[in-house]
PDB file of N, CA and C in Angstrom:
ATOM      1  N   MET A   1      25.393 -73.588 -75.975  1.00  0.00           N
ATOM      2  CA  MET A   1      25.198 -72.247 -76.153  1.00  0.00           C
ATOM      3  C   MET A   1      27.232 -72.482 -75.192  1.00  0.00           C
ATOM      4  N   ARG A   2      27.911 -71.250 -76.121  1.00  0.00           N
ATOM      5  CA  ARG A   2      29.230 -71.122 -75.542  1.00  0.00           C
ATOM      6  C   ARG A   2      29.236 -70.563 -73.872  1.00  0.00           C
ATOM      7  N   LYS A   3      30.600 -70.940 -73.441  1.00  0.00           N
ATOM      8  CA  LYS A   3      30.570 -70.653 -71.873  1.00  0.00           C
ATOM      9  C   LYS A   3      30.575 -68.702 -71.906  1.00  0.00           C
ATOM     10  N   THR A   4      31.149 -68.111 -72.920  1.00  0.00           N
ATOM     11  CA  THR A   4      30.941 -66.751 -72.942  1.00  0.00           C
ATOM     12  C   THR A   4      29.554 -66.310 -72.802  1.00  0.00           C
ATOM     13  N   TYR A   5      28.579 -66.580 -73.755  1.00  0.00           N
ATOM     14  CA  TYR A   5      27.330 -66.605 -73.716  1.00  0.00           C
ATOM     15  C   TYR A   5      26.818 -66.557 -72.597  1.00  0.00           C
ATOM     16  N   GLU A   6      26.770 -67.641 -71.803  1.00  0.00           N
ATOM     17  CA  GLU A   6      26.386 -68.061 -70.402  1.00  0.00           C
ATOM     18  C   GLU A   6      26.492 -67.254 -69.459  1.00  0.00           C
ATOM     19  N   GLN A   7      27.840 -67.064 -69.406  1.00  0.00           N
ATOM     20  CA  GLN A   7      28.001 -65.894 -68.473  1.00  0.00           C
ATOM     21  C   GLN A   7      27.993 -64.544 -68.685  1.00  0.00           C
ATOM     22  N   MET A   8      27.685 -63.972 -70.117  1.00  0.00           N
ATOM     23  CA  MET A   8      27.242 -62.520 -69.923  1.00  0.00           C
ATOM     24  C   MET A   8      26.093 -62.341 -70.100  1.00  0.00           C
ATOM     25  N   VAL A   9      25.294 -63.410 -70.712  1.00  0.00           N
ATOM     26  CA  VAL A   9      23.695 -63.036 -71.092  1.00  0.00           C
ATOM     27  C   VAL A   9      23.097 -63.472 -69.598  1.00  0.00           C
ATOM     28  N   SER A  10      23.614 -64.155 -68.642  1.00  0.00           N
ATOM     29  CA  SER A  10      23.043 -63.865 -67.329  1.00  0.00           C
ATOM     30  C   SER A  10      23.043 -62.609 -66.551  1.00  0.00           C
ATOM     31  N   CYS A  11      23.796 -61.276 -67.023  1.00  0.00           N
ATOM     32  CA  CYS A  11      23.680 -60.116 -66.920  1.00  0.00           C
ATOM     33  C   CYS A  11      22.220 -59.257 -67.398  1.00  0.00           C
ATOM     34  N   ASP A  12      21.533 -60.150 -68.023  1.00  0.00           N
ATOM     35  CA  ASP A  12      20.430 -59.512 -68.797  1.00  0.00           C
ATOM     36  C   ASP A  12      20.445 -58.022 -69.151  1.00  0.00           C
ATOM     37  N   CYS A  13      21.122 -57.678 -69.992  1.00  0.00           N
ATOM     38  CA  CYS A  13      21.715 -56.600 -70.326  1.00  0.00           C
ATOM     39  C   CYS A  13      21.956 -56.597 -71.845  1.00  0.00           C
ATOM     40  N   GLY A  14      21.812 -55.288 -73.083  1.00  0.00           N
ATOM     41  CA  GLY A  14      21.652 -55.560 -74.275  1.00  0.00           C
ATOM     42  C   GLY A  14      23.407 -55.013 -74.745  1.00  0.00           C
ATOM     43  N   THR A  15      23.770 -54.676 -73.449  1.00  0.00           N
ATOM     44  CA  THR A  15      25.028 -54.264 -74.143  1.00  0.00           C
ATOM     45  C   THR A  15      25.803 -55.770 -73.990  1.00  0.00           C
ATOM     46  N   ALA A  16      25.785 -56.392 -72.780  1.00  0.00           N
ATOM     47  CA  ALA A  16      26.252 -57.760 -72.374  1.00  0.00           C
ATOM     48  C   ALA A  16      25.898 -58.664 -73.549  1.00  0.00           C
ATOM     49  N   ASN A  17      24.606 -58.827 -73.901  1.00  0.00           N
ATOM     50  CA  ASN A  17      24.282 -59.807 -74.849  1.00  0.00           C
ATOM     51  C   ASN A  17      25.161 -59.432 -76.782  1.00  0.00           C
ATOM     52  N   THR A  18      24.879 -58.156 -76.791  1.00  0.00           N
ATOM     53  CA  THR A  18      25.825 -57.787 -77.788  1.00  0.00           C
ATOM     54  C   THR A  18      27.640 -58.171 -77.958  1.00  0.00           C
ATOM     55  N   LEU A  19      27.926 -58.182 -76.665  1.00  0.00           N
ATOM     56  CA  LEU A  19      29.473 -58.600 -76.456  1.00  0.00           C
ATOM     57  C   LEU A  19      29.665 -59.958 -76.183  1.00  0.00           C
ATOM     58  N   ALA A  20      28.627 -60.862 -76.640  1.00  0.00           N
ATOM     59  CA  ALA A  20      28.617 -62.274 -76.119  1.00  0.00           C
ATOM     60  C   ALA A  20      28.891 -62.445 -77.546  1.00  0.00           C
ATOM     61  N   VAL A  21      28.474 -61.845 -78.419  1.00  0.00           N
ATOM     62  CA  VAL A  21      28.387 -62.172 -79.778  1.00  0.00           C
ATOM     63  C   VAL A  21      29.732 -61.674 -80.819  1.00  0.00           C
ATOM     64  N   ILE A  22      29.786 -60.783 -80.252  1.00  0.00           N
ATOM     65  CA  ILE A  22      31.018 -59.796 -81.399  1.00  0.00           C
ATOM     66  C   ILE A  22      32.109 -59.817 -80.186  1.00  0.00           C
ATOM     67  N   GLY A  23      32.121 -60.165 -78.832  1.00  0.00           N
ATOM     68  CA  GLY A  23      33.256 -60.006 -78.290  1.00  0.00           C
ATOM     69  C   GLY A  23      34.670 -60.483 -78.802  1.00  0.00           C
ATOM     70  N   GLY A  24      35.626 -60.227 -77.972  1.00  0.00           N
ATOM     71  CA  GLY A  24      37.075 -61.398 -78.440  1.00  0.00           C
ATOM     72  C   GLY A  24      37.885 -60.443 -79.473  1.00  0.00           C
ATOM     73  N   LYS A  25      39.187 -61.169 -79.524  1.00  0.00           N
ATOM     74  CA  LYS A  25      40.118 -60.188 -79.707  1.00  0.00           C
ATOM     75  C   LYS A  25      39.964 -59.846 -81.462  1.00  0.00           C
ATOM     76  N   TRP A  26      39.471 -60.826 -82.371  1.00  0.00           N
ATOM     77  CA  TRP A  26      39.188 -60.540 -83.836  1.00  0.00           C
ATOM     78  C   TRP A  26      37.872 -60.308 -84.230  1.00  0.00           C
ATOM     79  N   LYS A  27      36.823 -60.765 -83.631  1.00  0.00           N
ATOM     80  CA  LYS A  27      35.829 -60.803 -84.246  1.00  0.00           C
ATOM     81  C   LYS A  27      35.023 -59.101 -84.823  1.00  0.00           C
ATOM     82  N   ILE A  28      35.697 -58.402 -84.130  1.00  0.00           N
ATOM     83  CA  ILE A  28      34.973 -56.587 -84.260  1.00  0.00           C
ATOM     84  C   ILE A  28      36.067 -56.818 -85.674  1.00  0.00           C
ATOM     85  N   MET A  29      36.995 -57.128 -85.690  1.00  0.00           N
ATOM     86  CA  MET A  29      37.828 -56.681 -87.117  1.00  0.00           C
ATOM     87  C   MET A  29      37.514 -57.446 -88.071  1.00  0.00           C
ATOM     88  N   ILE A  30      37.239 -58.968 -87.809  1.00  0.00           N
ATOM     89  CA  ILE A  30      36.622 -59.481 -88.853  1.00  0.00           C
ATOM     90  C   ILE A  30      35.515 -58.730 -89.546  1.00  0.00           C
ATOM     91  N   LEU A  31      34.473 -58.432 -88.603  1.00  0.00           N
ATOM     92  CA  LEU A  31      33.394 -57.760 -89.142  1.00  0.00           C
ATOM     93  C   LEU A  31      33.525 -56.369 -90.125  1.00  0.00           C
ATOM     94  N   TYR A  32      34.237 -55.813 -89.221  1.00  0.00           N
ATOM     95  CA  TYR A  32      34.658 -54.491 -90.157  1.00  0.00           C
ATOM     96  C   TYR A  32      35.274 -54.807 -91.550  1.00  0.00           C
ATOM     97  N   HIS A  33      36.200 -55.563 -91.931  1.00  0.00           N
ATOM     98  CA  HIS A  33      36.928 -55.622 -92.838  1.00  0.00           C
ATOM     99  C   HIS A  33      35.494 -56.415 -94.128  1.00  0.00           C
ATOM    100  N   LEU A  34      34.631 -56.977 -93.567  1.00  0.00           N
ATOM    101  CA  LEU A  34      33.817 -57.710 -94.189  1.00  0.00           C
ATOM    102  C   LEU A  34      32.599 -56.154 -94.702  1.00  0.00           C
ATOM    103  N   ILE A  35      32.577 -55.229 -94.016  1.00  0.00           N
ATOM    104  CA  ILE A  35      32.077 -54.017 -94.708  1.00  0.00           C
ATOM    105  C   ILE A  35      32.034 -53.433 -96.370  1.00  0.00           C
ATOM    106  N   ASP A  36      32.820 -53.446 -96.755  1.00  0.00           N
ATOM    107  CA  ASP A  36      33.120 -53.426 -98.102  1.00  0.00           C
ATOM    108  C   ASP A  36      33.073 -54.877 -98.872  1.00  0.00           C
ATOM    109  N   GLY A  37      32.692 -55.818 -98.559  1.00  0.00           N
ATOM    110  CA  GLY A  37      32.137 -56.718 -99.277  1.00  0.00           C
ATOM    111  C   GLY A  37      32.959 -58.356 -98.838  1.00  0.00           C
ATOM    112  N   LYS A  38      32.492 -59.160-100.187  1.00  0.00           N
ATOM    113  CA  LYS A  38      32.926 -60.237 -99.642  1.00  0.00           C
ATOM    114  C   LYS A  38      34.405 -60.726 -99.531  1.00  0.00           C
ATOM    115  N   LYS A  39      34.901 -61.154 -99.187  1.00  0.00           N
ATOM    116  CA  LYS A  39      36.087 -61.858 -98.728  1.00  0.00           C
ATOM    117  C   LYS A  39      36.512 -63.095 -98.385  1.00  0.00           C
ATOM    118  N   ARG A  40      37.618 -63.343 -99.139  1.00  0.00           N
ATOM    119  CA  ARG A  40      38.016 -65.145 -98.797  1.00  0.00           C
ATOM    120  C   ARG A  40      38.667 -65.304 -97.618  1.00  0.00           C
ATOM    121  N   PHE A  41      38.741 -66.709 -97.408  1.00  0.00           N
ATOM    122  CA  PHE A  41      39.964 -67.290 -95.983  1.00  0.00           C
ATOM    123  C   PHE A  41      41.187 -66.007 -96.220  1.00  0.00           C
ATOM    124  N   ASN A  42      41.565 -66.723 -97.119  1.00  0.00           N
ATOM    125  CA  ASN A  42      43.044 -66.141 -96.894  1.00  0.00           C
ATOM    126  C   ASN A  42      43.188 -64.486 -97.455  1.00  0.00           C
ATOM    127  N   GLU A  43      42.309 -63.579 -98.020  1.00  0.00           N
ATOM    128  CA  GLU A  43      42.221 -62.727 -97.988  1.00  0.00           C
ATOM    129  C   GLU A  43      42.193 -61.982 -96.203  1.00  0.00           C
ATOM    130  N   LEU A  44      41.441 -62.463 -95.475  1.00  0.00           N
ATOM    131  CA  LEU A  44      41.028 -62.281 -94.065  1.00  0.00           C
ATOM    132  C   LEU A  44      42.214 -62.295 -93.050  1.00  0.00           C
ATOM    133  N   MET A  45      43.241 -63.298 -93.777  1.00  0.00           N
ATOM    134  CA  MET A  45      44.373 -64.051 -92.906  1.00  0.00           C
ATOM    135  C   MET A  45      45.056 -62.620 -93.487  1.00  0.00           C
ATOM    136  N   ARG A  46      45.580 -62.114 -94.734  1.00  0.00           N
ATOM    137  CA  ARG A  46      46.297 -61.171 -95.147  1.00  0.00           C
ATOM    138  C   ARG A  46      45.666 -59.911 -94.222  1.00  0.00           C
ATOM    139  N   ILE A  47      44.726 -59.400 -94.317  1.00  0.00           N
ATOM    140  CA  ILE A  47      44.546 -58.352 -93.722  1.00  0.00           C
ATOM    141  C   ILE A  47      44.347 -58.640 -92.333  1.00  0.00           C
ATOM    142  N   LEU A  48      44.731 -59.678 -91.609  1.00  0.00           N
ATOM    143  CA  LEU A  48      44.537 -59.864 -90.029  1.00  0.00           C
ATOM    144  C   LEU A  48      46.059 -60.658 -90.260  1.00  0.00           C
ATOM    145  N   ASN A  49      46.972 -59.943 -90.201  1.00  0.00           N
ATOM    146  CA  ASN A  49      48.525 -60.770 -90.270  1.00  0.00           C
ATOM    147  C   ASN A  49      48.828 -61.493 -89.346  1.00  0.00           C
ATOM    148  N   SER A  50      48.367 -61.004 -88.323  1.00  0.00           N
ATOM    149  CA  SER A  50      48.647 -61.774 -87.027  1.00  0.00           C
ATOM    150  C   SER A  50      47.481 -62.803 -86.435  1.00  0.00           C
ATOM    151  N   ILE A  51      46.686 -63.024 -87.091  1.00  0.00           N
ATOM    152  CA  ILE A  51      45.521 -64.218 -86.815  1.00  0.00           C
ATOM    153  C   ILE A  51      46.075 -65.357 -87.017  1.00  0.00           C
ATOM    154  N   THR A  52      46.055 -66.119 -86.279  1.00  0.00           N
ATOM    155  CA  THR A  52      45.708 -67.795 -86.851  1.00  0.00           C
ATOM    156  C   THR A  52      44.928 -68.522 -87.503  1.00  0.00           C
ATOM    157  N   PRO A  53      45.141 -68.863 -88.604  1.00  0.00           N
ATOM    158  CA  PRO A  53      44.304 -70.007 -88.901  1.00  0.00           C
ATOM    159  C   PRO A  53      43.252 -70.669 -88.333  1.00  0.00           C
ATOM    160  N   HIS A  54      43.247 -71.113 -87.135  1.00  0.00           N
ATOM    161  CA  HIS A  54      42.621 -71.980 -86.381  1.00  0.00           C
ATOM    162  C   HIS A  54      41.616 -70.484 -85.410  1.00  0.00           C
ATOM    163  N   THR A  55      42.255 -69.669 -85.098  1.00  0.00           N
ATOM    164  CA  THR A  55      41.094 -68.790 -84.646  1.00  0.00           C
ATOM    165  C   THR A  55      40.369 -68.019 -85.668  1.00  0.00           C
ATOM    166  N   LEU A  56      40.958 -68.035 -86.639  1.00  0.00           N
ATOM    167  CA  LEU A  56      40.069 -66.982 -87.866  1.00  0.00           C
ATOM    168  C   LEU A  56      38.979 -68.045 -87.809  1.00  0.00           C
ATOM    169  N   SER A  57      39.226 -69.418 -88.348  1.00  0.00           N
ATOM    170  CA  SER A  57      37.885 -70.341 -88.341  1.00  0.00           C
ATOM    171  C   SER A  57      37.312 -70.320 -87.385  1.00  0.00           C
ATOM    172  N   LYS A  58      37.773 -70.703 -86.350  1.00  0.00           N
ATOM    173  CA  LYS A  58      36.747 -70.780 -85.157  1.00  0.00           C
ATOM    174  C   LYS A  58      35.571 -69.409 -84.853  1.00  0.00           C
ATOM    175  N   ASP A  59      36.479 -68.205 -85.274  1.00  0.00           N
ATOM    176  CA  ASP A  59      35.704 -66.873 -85.405  1.00  0.00           C
ATOM    177  C   ASP A  59      34.655 -66.820 -86.493  1.00  0.00           C
ATOM    178  N   LEU A  60      35.002 -67.013 -87.300  1.00  0.00           N
ATOM    179  CA  LEU A  60      34.356 -67.182 -88.715  1.00  0.00           C
ATOM    180  C   LEU A  60      33.151 -68.120 -88.395  1.00  0.00           C
ATOM    181  N   LYS A  61      33.276 -69.233 -87.929  1.00  0.00           N
ATOM    182  CA  LYS A  61      32.560 -70.114 -87.435  1.00  0.00           C
ATOM    183  C   LYS A  61      31.312 -69.685 -86.312  1.00  0.00           C
ATOM    184  N   GLU A  62      31.386 -69.232 -85.574  1.00  0.00           N
ATOM    185  CA  GLU A  62      30.880 -68.865 -84.544  1.00  0.00           C
ATOM    186  C   GLU A  62      30.083 -67.106 -85.151  1.00  0.00           C
ATOM    187  N   LEU A  63      30.935 -66.559 -85.495  1.00  0.00           N
ATOM    188  CA  LEU A  63      30.163 -65.173 -86.740  1.00  0.00           C
ATOM    189  C   LEU A  63      28.619 -66.099 -87.313  1.00  0.00           C
ATOM    190  N   GLU A  64      29.197 -66.699 -88.349  1.00  0.00           N
ATOM    191  CA  GLU A  64      28.265 -67.424 -88.956  1.00  0.00           C
ATOM    192  C   GLU A  64      27.070 -68.343 -88.380  1.00  0.00           C
ATOM    193  N   LYS A  65      27.311 -68.845 -86.925  1.00  0.00           N
ATOM    194  CA  LYS A  65      26.374 -69.619 -86.296  1.00  0.00           C
ATOM    195  C   LYS A  65      25.525 -68.545 -85.831  1.00  0.00           C
ATOM    196  N   ASP A  66      25.860 -67.296 -85.012  1.00  0.00           N
ATOM    197  CA  ASP A  66      25.420 -66.223 -84.586  1.00  0.00           C
ATOM    198  C   ASP A  66      24.556 -65.161 -85.805  1.00  0.00           C
ATOM    199  N   GLY A  67      24.875 -65.737 -86.986  1.00  0.00           N
ATOM    200  CA  GLY A  67      23.679 -64.900 -88.231  1.00  0.00           C
ATOM    201  C   GLY A  67      24.523 -63.704 -88.144  1.00  0.00           C
ATOM    202  N   LEU A  68      25.956 -63.303 -88.399  1.00  0.00           N
ATOM    203  CA  LEU A  68      26.055 -62.104 -88.438  1.00  0.00           C
ATOM    204  C   LEU A  68      26.929 -62.315 -89.914  1.00  0.00           C
ATOM    205  N   ILE A  69      27.577 -63.297 -90.235  1.00  0.00           N
ATOM    206  CA  ILE A  69      27.943 -63.733 -91.287  1.00  0.00           C
ATOM    207  C   ILE A  69      27.528 -64.827 -91.815  1.00  0.00           C
ATOM    208  N   GLU A  70      27.492 -64.814 -93.219  1.00  0.00           N
ATOM    209  CA  GLU A  70      27.184 -66.282 -94.238  1.00  0.00           C
ATOM    210  C   GLU A  70      28.431 -66.458 -95.005  1.00  0.00           C
ATOM    211  N   LYS A  71      28.265 -67.434 -95.297  1.00  0.00           N
ATOM    212  CA  LYS A  71      29.367 -68.671 -96.092  1.00  0.00           C
ATOM    213  C   LYS A  71      28.630 -68.750 -96.985  1.00  0.00           C
ATOM    214  N   HIS A  72      29.866 -68.607 -98.273  1.00  0.00           N
ATOM    215  CA  HIS A  72      29.338 -68.802 -99.879  1.00  0.00           C
ATOM    216  C   HIS A  72      30.341 -69.955-100.762  1.00  0.00           C
ATOM    217  N   THR A  73      29.978 -70.889-100.701  1.00  0.00           N
ATOM    218  CA  THR A  73      30.993 -71.810-101.225  1.00  0.00           C
ATOM    219  C   THR A  73      30.442 -72.193-102.601  1.00  0.00           C
ATOM    220  N   PHE A  74      31.326 -72.029-103.297  1.00  0.00           N
ATOM    221  CA  PHE A  74      31.156 -72.208-104.795  1.00  0.00           C
ATOM    222  C   PHE A  74      31.566 -73.560-104.967  1.00  0.00           C
ATOM    223  N   GLU A  75      30.812 -74.612-105.756  1.00  0.00           N
ATOM    224  CA  GLU A  75      31.387 -75.665-106.021  1.00  0.00           C
ATOM    225  C   GLU A  75      32.186 -76.059-107.581  1.00  0.00           C
ATOM    226  N   ILE A  76      33.272 -75.553-107.325  1.00  0.00           N
ATOM    227  CA  ILE A  76      34.255 -75.427-108.456  1.00  0.00           C
ATOM    228  C   ILE A  76      35.705 -76.692-107.916  1.00  0.00           C
ATOM    229  N   ILE A  77      36.630 -76.309-109.136  1.00  0.00           N
ATOM    230  CA  ILE A  77      37.932 -76.652-108.724  1.00  0.00           C
ATOM    231  C   ILE A  77      38.828 -76.201-109.001  1.00  0.00           C
ATOM    232  N   PRO A  78      39.770 -75.545-107.797  1.00  0.00           N
ATOM    233  CA  PRO A  78      39.558 -75.590-106.263  1.00  0.00           C
ATOM    234  C   PRO A  78      38.090 -75.049-105.969  1.00  0.00           C
ATOM    235  N   PRO A  79      37.802 -75.369-105.198  1.00  0.00           N
ATOM    236  CA  PRO A  79      36.645 -74.852-103.979  1.00  0.00           C
ATOM    237  C   PRO A  79      36.839 -73.377-103.520  1.00  0.00           C
ATOM    238  N   LYS A  80      35.952 -72.467-103.705  1.00  0.00           N
ATOM    239  CA  LYS A  80      36.095 -71.412-103.222  1.00  0.00           C
ATOM    240  C   LYS A  80      34.967 -70.639-102.498  1.00  0.00           C
ATOM    241  N   THR A  81      35.386 -70.320-101.047  1.00  0.00           N
ATOM    242  CA  THR A  81      34.385 -69.787-100.252  1.00  0.00           C
ATOM    243  C   THR A  81      34.861 -68.361 -99.964  1.00  0.00           C
ATOM    244  N   GLU A  82      33.544 -67.693 -99.691  1.00  0.00           N
ATOM    245  CA  GLU A  82      33.760 -66.156 -99.083  1.00  0.00           C
ATOM    246  C   GLU A  82      32.894 -66.285 -98.190  1.00  0.00           C
ATOM    247  N   TYR A  83      33.244 -65.482 -97.692  1.00  0.00           N
ATOM    248  CA  TYR A  83      32.196 -64.842 -96.349  1.00  0.00           C
ATOM    249  C   TYR A  83      31.762 -63.041 -96.426  1.00  0.00           C
ATOM    250  N   SER A  84      30.626 -63.155 -95.871  1.00  0.00           N
ATOM    251  CA  SER A  84      30.177 -61.494 -96.056  1.00  0.00           C
ATOM    252  C   SER A  84      28.922 -61.597 -94.917  1.00  0.00           C
ATOM    253  N   LEU A  85      28.838 -60.534 -94.631  1.00  0.00           N
ATOM    254  CA  LEU A  85      27.326 -60.027 -93.882  1.00  0.00           C
ATOM    255  C   LEU A  85      26.195 -59.993 -94.149  1.00  0.00           C
ATOM    256  N   THR A  86      25.634 -60.569 -92.955  1.00  0.00           N
ATOM    257  CA  THR A  86      24.032 -60.916 -93.150  1.00  0.00           C
ATOM    258  C   THR A  86      23.716 -59.396 -93.188  1.00  0.00           C
ATOM    259  N   ASP A  87      22.344 -59.053 -93.223  1.00  0.00           N
ATOM    260  CA  ASP A  87      21.664 -57.951 -93.051  1.00  0.00           C
ATOM    261  C   ASP A  87      21.797 -57.889 -91.461  1.00  0.00           C
ATOM    262  N   LYS A  88      21.763 -58.910 -90.524  1.00  0.00           N
ATOM    263  CA  LYS A  88      21.666 -58.806 -89.060  1.00  0.00           C
ATOM    264  C   LYS A  88      23.230 -58.284 -89.269  1.00  0.00           C
ATOM    265  N   GLY A  89      24.476 -58.929 -89.982  1.00  0.00           N
ATOM    266  CA  GLY A  89      25.960 -57.985 -89.597  1.00  0.00           C
ATOM    267  C   GLY A  89      25.957 -56.490 -89.924  1.00  0.00           C
ATOM    268  N   ARG A  90      25.068 -56.132 -91.023  1.00  0.00           N
ATOM    269  CA  ARG A  90      24.917 -54.934 -91.207  1.00  0.00           C
ATOM    270  C   ARG A  90      24.499 -53.795 -90.419  1.00  0.00           C
ATOM    271  N   GLU A  91      24.027 -54.532 -89.587  1.00  0.00           N
ATOM    272  CA  GLU A  91      23.186 -53.465 -88.799  1.00  0.00           C
ATOM    273  C   GLU A  91      24.067 -52.993 -87.243  1.00  0.00           C
ATOM    274  N   LEU A  92      25.684 -53.633 -87.641  1.00  0.00           N
ATOM    275  CA  LEU A  92      26.308 -53.114 -86.677  1.00  0.00           C
ATOM    276  C   LEU A  92      27.491 -52.022 -87.522  1.00  0.00           C
ATOM    277  N   GLU A  93      26.940 -52.042 -88.921  1.00  0.00           N
ATOM    278  CA  GLU A  93      27.916 -51.188 -89.721  1.00  0.00           C
ATOM    279  C   GLU A  93      28.380 -49.765 -89.325  1.00  0.00           C
ATOM    280  N   CYS A  94      27.307 -48.896 -88.648  1.00  0.00           N
ATOM    281  CA  CYS A  94      27.683 -47.744 -88.372  1.00  0.00           C
ATOM    282  C   CYS A  94      28.629 -47.708 -87.064  1.00  0.00           C
ATOM    283  N   ILE A  95      28.324 -48.791 -85.944  1.00  0.00           N
ATOM    284  CA  ILE A  95      29.147 -49.010 -84.936  1.00  0.00           C
ATOM    285  C   ILE A  95      30.434 -49.577 -85.080  1.00  0.00           C
ATOM    286  N   LEU A  96      30.633 -49.913 -86.386  1.00  0.00           N
ATOM    287  CA  LEU A  96      32.224 -50.475 -86.227  1.00  0.00           C
ATOM    288  C   LEU A  96      32.723 -49.497 -87.326  1.00  0.00           C
ATOM    289  N   ILE A  97      32.390 -48.919 -88.033  1.00  0.00           N
ATOM    290  CA  ILE A  97      32.678 -47.582 -88.783  1.00  0.00           C
ATOM    291  C   ILE A  97      33.461 -46.699 -87.607  1.00  0.00           C
ATOM    292  N   ALA A  98      32.510 -45.862 -86.504  1.00  0.00           N
ATOM    293  CA  ALA A  98      32.562 -45.565 -85.292  1.00  0.00           C
ATOM    294  C   ALA A  98      33.965 -45.829 -84.622  1.00  0.00           C
ATOM    295  N   ILE A  99      33.871 -47.403 -84.514  1.00  0.00           N
ATOM    296  CA  ILE A  99      35.370 -47.414 -83.647  1.00  0.00           C
ATOM    297  C   ILE A  99      36.307 -47.605 -84.463  1.00  0.00           C
ATOM    298  N   ASN A 100      36.535 -47.513 -85.516  1.00  0.00           N
ATOM    299  CA  ASN A 100      37.738 -47.391 -86.521  1.00  0.00           C
ATOM    300  C   ASN A 100      38.096 -45.959 -86.936  1.00  0.00           C
ATOM    301  N   LYS A 101      37.164 -45.572 -86.540  1.00  0.00           N
ATOM    302  CA  LYS A 101      37.042 -43.534 -86.584  1.00  0.00           C
ATOM    303  C   LYS A 101      38.065 -43.090 -84.900  1.00  0.00           C
ATOM    304  N   PHE A 102      37.548 -43.723 -84.335  1.00  0.00           N
ATOM    305  CA  PHE A 102      37.776 -43.524 -82.740  1.00  0.00           C
ATOM    306  C   PHE A 102      39.334 -43.841 -82.626  1.00  0.00           C
ATOM    307  N   GLY A 103      39.672 -45.172 -83.483  1.00  0.00           N
ATOM    308  CA  GLY A 103      41.105 -45.639 -83.216  1.00  0.00           C
ATOM    309  C   GLY A 103      42.079 -44.959 -84.288  1.00  0.00           C
ATOM    310  N   GLU A 104      41.306 -44.550 -85.529  1.00  0.00           N
ATOM    311  CA  GLU A 104      42.364 -43.813 -85.908  1.00  0.00           C
ATOM    312  C   GLU A 104      42.675 -42.259 -85.225  1.00  0.00           C
ATOM    313  N   LYS A 105      41.602 -41.740 -84.733  1.00  0.00           N
ATOM    314  CA  LYS A 105      41.991 -40.271 -84.065  1.00  0.00           C
ATOM    315  C   LYS A 105      42.741 -40.625 -82.894  1.00  0.00           C
ATOM    316  N   TYR A 106      42.795 -41.794 -82.274  1.00  0.00           N
ATOM    317  CA  TYR A 106      43.272 -42.167 -81.152  1.00  0.00           C
ATOM    318  C   TYR A 106      44.581 -43.122 -81.235  1.00  0.00           C
ATOM    319  N   PRO A 107      45.831 -43.255 -81.758  1.00  0.00           N
ATOM    320  CA  PRO A 107      45.960 -44.181 -82.193  1.00  0.00           C
ATOM    321  C   PRO A 107      47.034 -44.410 -80.907  1.00  0.00           C
ATOM    322  N   ILE A 108      47.599 -45.778 -80.578  1.00  0.00           N
ATOM    323  CA  ILE A 108      48.459 -46.217 -79.267  1.00  0.00           C
ATOM    324  C   ILE A 108      49.787 -45.902 -79.915  1.00  0.00           C
ATOM    325  N   LYS A 109      50.402 -45.106 -79.388  1.00  0.00           N
ATOM    326  CA  LYS A 109      51.966 -45.046 -79.373  1.00  0.00           C
ATOM    327  C   LYS A 109      52.774 -46.021 -78.803  1.00  0.00           C
ATOM    328  N   LEU A 110      53.433 -47.323 -79.382  1.00  0.00           N
ATOM    329  CA  LEU A 110      54.035 -47.907 -78.566  1.00  0.00           C
ATOM    330  C   LEU A 110      55.440 -47.226 -77.952  1.00  0.00           C
ATOM    331  N   ASN A 111      56.076 -47.727 -76.942  1.00  0.00           N
ATOM    332  CA  ASN A 111      57.688 -46.973 -76.979  1.00  0.00           C
ATOM    333  C   ASN A 111      57.655 -45.728 -76.352  1.00  0.00           C
ATOM    334  N   GLU A 112      56.485 -45.208 -75.883  1.00  0.00           N
ATOM    335  CA  GLU A 112      56.986 -43.560 -75.697  1.00  0.00           C
ATOM    336  C   GLU A 112      56.781 -43.699 -74.360  1.00  0.00           C
TER     337      GLU A 112
END
């Protein structure tokens, strides 16, 4: 069990349980961008232009382990891998869309 889980789940709260799985700097954005369909690793790198390959790889593995996304590997040359939401991950869709709408309505204005 990851340290984040141990600390948050000890709160015995549904919100803490959810945040233990989707919390962090990038996971919500990864999930949001998978709503409209499968994405390859490099597509996600382009969309999330300031994420490092190491962080994306780590977060994808954790989201897959937690059952929110699935990895599809195609046995072709060169190998092709796509990521998509599972049914469990799709349950977050309305929340992810609401978070996006809130951010569009109240954008952060830098240098004011």
